[in-house]
Amino acid sequence: MVSSPCVKIHISQRGVPWNAPASHYIRIFKFSQILKKMFLINYIDLINLFTLCSILKFYYFYASQYLLYYQ
């Protein structure tokens, strides 16, 4: 797999070894396993929770702008 040059520059600037992406994904997987044990929810539910929070933030921002405009 050939990575793009900007990714190579980014990784080499940080001084991370070439097996960093795999270990990074393993770290994310272990973190998700810990979250599953803590909250007893699936990783998909966690992603849904994040999307729900972002949607609610967007609607809150939209409503506050609307109220400011039509006061």
PDB file of N, CA and C in Angstrom:
ATOM      1  N   MET A   1       0.844  -1.190   0.000  1.00  0.00           N
ATOM      2  CA  MET A   1       0.000   0.000   0.000  1.00  0.00           C
ATOM      3  C   MET A   1       0.883   1.244   0.000  1.00  0.00           C
ATOM      4  N   VAL A   2       0.715   2.081  -0.985  1.00  0.00           N
ATOM      5  CA  VAL A   2       1.520   3.297  -1.111  1.00  0.00           C
ATOM      6  C   VAL A   2       0.748   4.445  -0.494  1.00  0.00           C
ATOM      7  N   SER A   3       1.368   5.108   0.483  1.00  0.00           N
ATOM      8  CA  SER A   3       0.710   6.241   1.120  1.00  0.00           C
ATOM      9  C   SER A   3       1.080   7.523   0.392  1.00  0.00           C
ATOM     10  N   SER A   4       0.241   8.518   0.535  1.00  0.00           N
ATOM     11  CA  SER A   4       0.485   9.782  -0.153  1.00  0.00           C
ATOM     12  C   SER A   4       1.657  10.512   0.507  1.00  0.00           C
ATOM     13  N   PRO A   5       2.361  11.382  -0.222  1.00  0.00           N
ATOM     14  CA  PRO A   5       3.532  12.053   0.336  1.00  0.00           C
ATOM     15  C   PRO A   5       3.223  12.947   1.529  1.00  0.00           C
ATOM     16  N   CYS A   6       2.025  13.555   1.557  1.00  0.00           N
ATOM     17  CA  CYS A   6       1.708  14.428   2.688  1.00  0.00           C
ATOM     18  C   CYS A   6       1.584  13.608   3.970  1.00  0.00           C
ATOM     19  N   VAL A   7       1.055  12.377   3.859  1.00  0.00           N
ATOM     20  CA  VAL A   7       0.959  11.509   5.031  1.00  0.00           C
ATOM     21  C   VAL A   7       2.353  11.115   5.501  1.00  0.00           C
ATOM     22  N   LYS A   8       3.253  10.824   4.546  1.00  0.00           N
ATOM     23  CA  LYS A   8       4.620  10.468   4.908  1.00  0.00           C
ATOM     24  C   LYS A   8       5.311  11.610   5.639  1.00  0.00           C
ATOM     25  N   ILE A   9       5.131  12.838   5.136  1.00  0.00           N
ATOM     26  CA  ILE A   9       5.742  14.001   5.777  1.00  0.00           C
ATOM     27  C   ILE A   9       5.170  14.193   7.174  1.00  0.00           C
ATOM     28  N   HIS A  10       3.853  14.046   7.296  1.00  0.00           N
ATOM     29  CA  HIS A  10       3.176  14.248   8.581  1.00  0.00           C
ATOM     30  C   HIS A  10       3.681  13.242   9.615  1.00  0.00           C
ATOM     31  N   ILE A  11       3.814  11.980   9.199  1.00  0.00           N
ATOM     32  CA  ILE A  11       4.257  10.943  10.131  1.00  0.00           C
ATOM     33  C   ILE A  11       5.726  11.144  10.490  1.00  0.00           C
ATOM     34  N   SER A  12       6.564  11.485   9.481  1.00  0.00           N
ATOM     35  CA  SER A  12       7.991  11.619   9.753  1.00  0.00           C
ATOM     36  C   SER A  12       8.274  12.851  10.601  1.00  0.00           C
ATOM     37  N   GLN A  13       7.460  13.904  10.473  1.00  0.00           N
ATOM     38  CA  GLN A  13       7.652  15.090  11.305  1.00  0.00           C
ATOM     39  C   GLN A  13       7.371  14.780  12.771  1.00  0.00           C
ATOM     40  N   ARG A  14       6.374  13.950  13.015  1.00  0.00           N
ATOM     41  CA  ARG A  14       6.057  13.590  14.400  1.00  0.00           C
ATOM     42  C   ARG A  14       7.033  12.562  14.958  1.00  0.00           C
ATOM     43  N   GLY A  15       7.814  11.950  14.093  1.00  0.00           N
ATOM     44  CA  GLY A  15       8.779  10.963  14.562  1.00  0.00           C
ATOM     45  C   GLY A  15       8.144   9.665  15.011  1.00  0.00           C
ATOM     46  N   VAL A  16       7.066   9.263  14.335  1.00  0.00           N
ATOM     47  CA  VAL A  16       6.353   8.035  14.686  1.00  0.00           C
ATOM     48  C   VAL A  16       6.832   6.914  13.765  1.00  0.00           C
ATOM     49  N   PRO A  17       7.089   5.713  14.269  1.00  0.00           N
ATOM     50  CA  PRO A  17       7.511   4.609  13.405  1.00  0.00           C
ATOM     51  C   PRO A  17       6.430   4.230  12.396  1.00  0.00           C
ATOM     52  N   TRP A  18       6.839   3.453  11.377  1.00  0.00           N
ATOM     53  CA  TRP A  18       5.929   3.169  10.267  1.00  0.00           C
ATOM     54  C   TRP A  18       4.785   2.243  10.661  1.00  0.00           C
ATOM     55  N   ASN A  19       4.899   1.530  11.782  1.00  0.00           N
ATOM     56  CA  ASN A  19       3.775   0.679  12.205  1.00  0.00           C
ATOM     57  C   ASN A  19       2.830   1.453  13.123  1.00  0.00           C
ATOM     58  N   ALA A  20       2.924   2.774  13.114  1.00  0.00           N
ATOM     59  CA  ALA A  20       2.075   3.599  13.980  1.00  0.00           C
ATOM     60  C   ALA A  20       0.588   3.496  13.637  1.00  0.00           C
ATOM     61  N   PRO A  21       0.176   3.514  12.365  1.00  0.00           N
ATOM     62  CA  PRO A  21      -1.269   3.423  12.102  1.00  0.00           C
ATOM     63  C   PRO A  21      -1.914   2.161  12.679  1.00  0.00           C
ATOM     64  N   ALA A  22      -1.249   1.013  12.531  1.00  0.00           N
ATOM     65  CA  ALA A  22      -1.818  -0.236  13.053  1.00  0.00           C
ATOM     66  C   ALA A  22      -1.944  -0.180  14.571  1.00  0.00           C
ATOM     67  N   SER A  23      -0.892   0.278  15.255  1.00  0.00           N
ATOM     68  CA  SER A  23      -0.951   0.358  16.709  1.00  0.00           C
ATOM     69  C   SER A  23      -1.987   1.387  17.154  1.00  0.00           C
ATOM     70  N   HIS A  24      -2.161   2.437  16.356  1.00  0.00           N
ATOM     71  CA  HIS A  24      -3.168   3.451  16.667  1.00  0.00           C
ATOM     72  C   HIS A  24      -4.563   2.846  16.608  1.00  0.00           C
ATOM     73  N   TYR A  25      -4.822   2.032  15.557  1.00  0.00           N
ATOM     74  CA  TYR A  25      -6.132   1.396  15.453  1.00  0.00           C
ATOM     75  C   TYR A  25      -6.349   0.388  16.576  1.00  0.00           C
ATOM     76  N   ILE A  26      -5.287  -0.325  16.964  1.00  0.00           N
ATOM     77  CA  ILE A  26      -5.400  -1.271  18.081  1.00  0.00           C
ATOM     78  C   ILE A  26      -5.727  -0.514  19.367  1.00  0.00           C
ATOM     79  N   ARG A  27      -5.103   0.663  19.541  1.00  0.00           N
ATOM     80  CA  ARG A  27      -5.377   1.476  20.729  1.00  0.00           C
ATOM     81  C   ARG A  27      -6.828   1.925  20.744  1.00  0.00           C
ATOM     82  N   ILE A  28      -7.357   2.347  19.584  1.00  0.00           N
ATOM     83  CA  ILE A  28      -8.760   2.753  19.502  1.00  0.00           C
ATOM     84  C   ILE A  28      -9.675   1.570  19.816  1.00  0.00           C
ATOM     85  N   PHE A  29      -9.303   0.371  19.304  1.00  0.00           N
ATOM     86  CA  PHE A  29     -10.119  -0.811  19.555  1.00  0.00           C
ATOM     87  C   PHE A  29     -10.130  -1.158  21.044  1.00  0.00           C
ATOM     88  N   LYS A  30      -8.954  -1.109  21.688  1.00  0.00           N
ATOM     89  CA  LYS A  30      -8.894  -1.389  23.126  1.00  0.00           C
ATOM     90  C   LYS A  30      -9.697  -0.370  23.910  1.00  0.00           C
ATOM     91  N   PHE A  31      -9.630   0.902  23.495  1.00  0.00           N
ATOM     92  CA  PHE A  31     -10.382   1.957  24.167  1.00  0.00           C
ATOM     93  C   PHE A  31     -11.881   1.713  24.039  1.00  0.00           C
ATOM     94  N   SER A  32     -12.315   1.259  22.846  1.00  0.00           N
ATOM     95  CA  SER A  32     -13.732   0.968  22.659  1.00  0.00           C
ATOM     96  C   SER A  32     -14.166  -0.227  23.512  1.00  0.00           C
ATOM     97  N   GLN A  33     -13.258  -1.214  23.677  1.00  0.00           N
ATOM     98  CA  GLN A  33     -13.583  -2.350  24.551  1.00  0.00           C
ATOM     99  C   GLN A  33     -13.749  -1.892  25.995  1.00  0.00           C
ATOM    100  N   ILE A  34     -12.883  -0.968  26.436  1.00  0.00           N
ATOM    101  CA  ILE A  34     -12.995  -0.432  27.802  1.00  0.00           C
ATOM    102  C   ILE A  34     -14.311   0.323  27.959  1.00  0.00           C
ATOM    103  N   LEU A  35     -14.663   1.108  26.931  1.00  0.00           N
ATOM    104  CA  LEU A  35     -15.921   1.850  26.995  1.00  0.00           C
ATOM    105  C   LEU A  35     -17.111   0.911  27.037  1.00  0.00           C
ATOM    106  N   LYS A  36     -17.033  -0.198  26.297  1.00  0.00           N
ATOM    107  CA  LYS A  36     -18.115  -1.183  26.330  1.00  0.00           C
ATOM    108  C   LYS A  36     -18.283  -1.750  27.735  1.00  0.00           C
ATOM    109  N   LYS A  37     -17.160  -2.070  28.389  1.00  0.00           N
ATOM    110  CA  LYS A  37     -17.250  -2.623  29.733  1.00  0.00           C
ATOM    111  C   LYS A  37     -17.764  -1.589  30.721  1.00  0.00           C
ATOM    112  N   MET A  38     -17.386  -0.312  30.520  1.00  0.00           N
ATOM    113  CA  MET A  38     -17.791   0.725  31.466  1.00  0.00           C
ATOM    114  C   MET A  38     -19.271   1.044  31.327  1.00  0.00           C
ATOM    115  N   PHE A  39     -19.714   1.308  30.112  1.00  0.00           N
ATOM    116  CA  PHE A  39     -21.057   1.827  29.914  1.00  0.00           C
ATOM    117  C   PHE A  39     -22.051   0.774  29.442  1.00  0.00           C
ATOM    118  N   LEU A  40     -21.568  -0.437  29.153  1.00  0.00           N
ATOM    119  CA  LEU A  40     -22.418  -1.537  28.692  1.00  0.00           C
ATOM    120  C   LEU A  40     -23.230  -1.158  27.456  1.00  0.00           C
ATOM    121  N   ILE A  41     -22.576  -0.420  26.539  1.00  0.00           N
ATOM    122  CA  ILE A  41     -23.223  -0.082  25.283  1.00  0.00           C
ATOM    123  C   ILE A  41     -22.303  -0.478  24.147  1.00  0.00           C
ATOM    124  N   ASN A  42     -22.874  -0.615  22.965  1.00  0.00           N
ATOM    125  CA  ASN A  42     -22.073  -0.965  21.803  1.00  0.00           C
ATOM    126  C   ASN A  42     -21.342   0.253  21.272  1.00  0.00           C
ATOM    127  N   TYR A  43     -20.287  -0.011  20.504  1.00  0.00           N
ATOM    128  CA  TYR A  43     -19.515   1.069  19.902  1.00  0.00           C
ATOM    129  C   TYR A  43     -20.368   1.846  18.904  1.00  0.00           C
ATOM    130  N   ILE A  44     -21.299   1.152  18.231  1.00  0.00           N
ATOM    131  CA  ILE A  44     -22.202   1.808  17.277  1.00  0.00           C
ATOM    132  C   ILE A  44     -23.120   2.776  18.018  1.00  0.00           C
ATOM    133  N   ASP A  45     -23.594   2.373  19.200  1.00  0.00           N
ATOM    134  CA  ASP A  45     -24.431   3.260  19.996  1.00  0.00           C
ATOM    135  C   ASP A  45     -23.658   4.498  20.417  1.00  0.00           C
ATOM    136  N   LEU A  46     -22.362   4.338  20.698  1.00  0.00           N
ATOM    137  CA  LEU A  46     -21.527   5.472  21.066  1.00  0.00           C
ATOM    138  C   LEU A  46     -21.411   6.456  19.908  1.00  0.00           C
ATOM    139  N   ILE A  47     -21.225   5.924  18.690  1.00  0.00           N
ATOM    140  CA  ILE A  47     -21.157   6.780  17.500  1.00  0.00           C
ATOM    141  C   ILE A  47     -22.492   7.488  17.292  1.00  0.00           C
ATOM    142  N   ASN A  48     -23.594   6.761  17.499  1.00  0.00           N
ATOM    143  CA  ASN A  48     -24.919   7.382  17.377  1.00  0.00           C
ATOM    144  C   ASN A  48     -25.100   8.486  18.406  1.00  0.00           C
ATOM    145  N   LEU A  49     -24.564   8.274  19.607  1.00  0.00           N
ATOM    146  CA  LEU A  49     -24.657   9.291  20.651  1.00  0.00           C
ATOM    147  C   LEU A  49     -23.899  10.547  20.245  1.00  0.00           C
ATOM    148  N   PHE A  50     -22.699  10.385  19.671  1.00  0.00           N
ATOM    149  CA  PHE A  50     -21.921  11.537  19.227  1.00  0.00           C
ATOM    150  C   PHE A  50     -22.641  12.288  18.111  1.00  0.00           C
ATOM    151  N   THR A  51     -23.235  11.549  17.159  1.00  0.00           N
ATOM    152  CA  THR A  51     -23.956  12.211  16.064  1.00  0.00           C
ATOM    153  C   THR A  51     -25.192  12.925  16.600  1.00  0.00           C
ATOM    154  N   LEU A  52     -25.869  12.315  17.570  1.00  0.00           N
ATOM    155  CA  LEU A  52     -27.042  12.952  18.165  1.00  0.00           C
ATOM    156  C   LEU A  52     -26.646  14.244  18.866  1.00  0.00           C
ATOM    157  N   CYS A  53     -25.522  14.225  19.593  1.00  0.00           N
ATOM    158  CA  CYS A  53     -25.052  15.432  20.280  1.00  0.00           C
ATOM    159  C   CYS A  53     -24.711  16.529  19.280  1.00  0.00           C
ATOM    160  N   SER A  54     -24.071  16.163  18.165  1.00  0.00           N
ATOM    161  CA  SER A  54     -23.707  17.172  17.172  1.00  0.00           C
ATOM    162  C   SER A  54     -24.951  17.754  16.508  1.00  0.00           C
ATOM    163  N   ILE A  55     -25.967  16.893  16.258  1.00  0.00           N
ATOM    164  CA  ILE A  55     -27.219  17.387  15.669  1.00  0.00           C
ATOM    165  C   ILE A  55     -27.912  18.340  16.637  1.00  0.00           C
ATOM    166  N   LEU A  56     -27.932  17.986  17.930  1.00  0.00           N
ATOM    167  CA  LEU A  56     -28.566  18.850  18.918  1.00  0.00           C
ATOM    168  C   LEU A  56     -27.830  20.177  19.038  1.00  0.00           C
ATOM    169  N   LYS A  57     -26.487  20.144  18.990  1.00  0.00           N
ATOM    170  CA  LYS A  57     -25.715  21.390  19.022  1.00  0.00           C
ATOM    171  C   LYS A  57     -26.052  22.266  17.829  1.00  0.00           C
ATOM    172  N   PHE A  58     -26.180  21.640  16.640  1.00  0.00           N
ATOM    173  CA  PHE A  58     -26.498  22.391  15.428  1.00  0.00           C
ATOM    174  C   PHE A  58     -27.866  23.053  15.559  1.00  0.00           C
ATOM    175  N   TYR A  59     -28.861  22.294  16.042  1.00  0.00           N
ATOM    176  CA  TYR A  59     -30.198  22.865  16.172  1.00  0.00           C
ATOM    177  C   TYR A  59     -30.244  23.943  17.242  1.00  0.00           C
ATOM    178  N   TYR A  60     -29.478  23.770  18.334  1.00  0.00           N
ATOM    179  CA  TYR A  60     -29.427  24.798  19.377  1.00  0.00           C
ATOM    180  C   TYR A  60     -28.826  26.087  18.830  1.00  0.00           C
ATOM    181  N   PHE A  61     -27.748  25.957  18.039  1.00  0.00           N
ATOM    182  CA  PHE A  61     -27.110  27.118  17.429  1.00  0.00           C
ATOM    183  C   PHE A  61     -28.075  27.806  16.468  1.00  0.00           C
ATOM    184  N   TYR A  62     -28.776  27.007  15.657  1.00  0.00           N
ATOM    185  CA  TYR A  62     -29.716  27.552  14.682  1.00  0.00           C
ATOM    186  C   TYR A  62     -30.863  28.285  15.384  1.00  0.00           C
ATOM    187  N   ALA A  63     -31.369  27.687  16.467  1.00  0.00           N
ATOM    188  CA  ALA A  63     -32.476  28.303  17.204  1.00  0.00           C
ATOM    189  C   ALA A  63     -32.030  29.595  17.884  1.00  0.00           C
ATOM    190  N   SER A  64     -30.822  29.615  18.446  1.00  0.00           N
ATOM    191  CA  SER A  64     -30.338  30.825  19.111  1.00  0.00           C
ATOM    192  C   SER A  64     -30.121  31.949  18.103  1.00  0.00           C
ATOM    193  N   GLN A  65     -29.593  31.620  16.904  1.00  0.00           N
ATOM    194  CA  GLN A  65     -29.431  32.626  15.855  1.00  0.00           C
ATOM    195  C   GLN A  65     -30.790  33.159  15.394  1.00  0.00           C
ATOM    196  N   TYR A  66     -31.762  32.264  15.295  1.00  0.00           N
ATOM    197  CA  TYR A  66     -33.114  32.645  14.875  1.00  0.00           C
ATOM    198  C   TYR A  66     -33.729  33.601  15.892  1.00  0.00           C
ATOM    199  N   LEU A  67     -33.578  33.280  17.192  1.00  0.00           N
ATOM    200  CA  LEU A  67     -34.145  34.126  18.239  1.00  0.00           C
ATOM    201  C   LEU A  67     -33.446  35.479  18.296  1.00  0.00           C
ATOM    202  N   LEU A  68     -32.132  35.488  18.080  1.00  0.00           N
ATOM    203  CA  LEU A  68     -31.404  36.753  18.071  1.00  0.00           C
ATOM    204  C   LEU A  68     -31.855  37.638  16.905  1.00  0.00           C
ATOM    205  N   TYR A  69     -32.143  37.006  15.768  1.00  0.00           N
ATOM    206  CA  TYR A  69     -32.502  37.769  14.569  1.00  0.00           C
ATOM    207  C   TYR A  69     -33.915  38.331  14.672  1.00  0.00           C
ATOM    208  N   TYR A  70     -34.832  37.581  15.279  1.00  0.00           N
ATOM    209  CA  TYR A  70     -36.239  37.972  15.301  1.00  0.00           C
ATOM    210  C   TYR A  70     -36.693  38.485  16.665  1.00  0.00           C
ATOM    211  N   GLN A  71     -35.800  39.085  17.433  1.00  0.00           N
ATOM    212  CA  GLN A  71     -36.227  39.624  18.730  1.00  0.00           C
ATOM    213  C   GLN A  71     -37.049  40.896  18.555  1.00  0.00           C
TER     214      GLN A  71
END
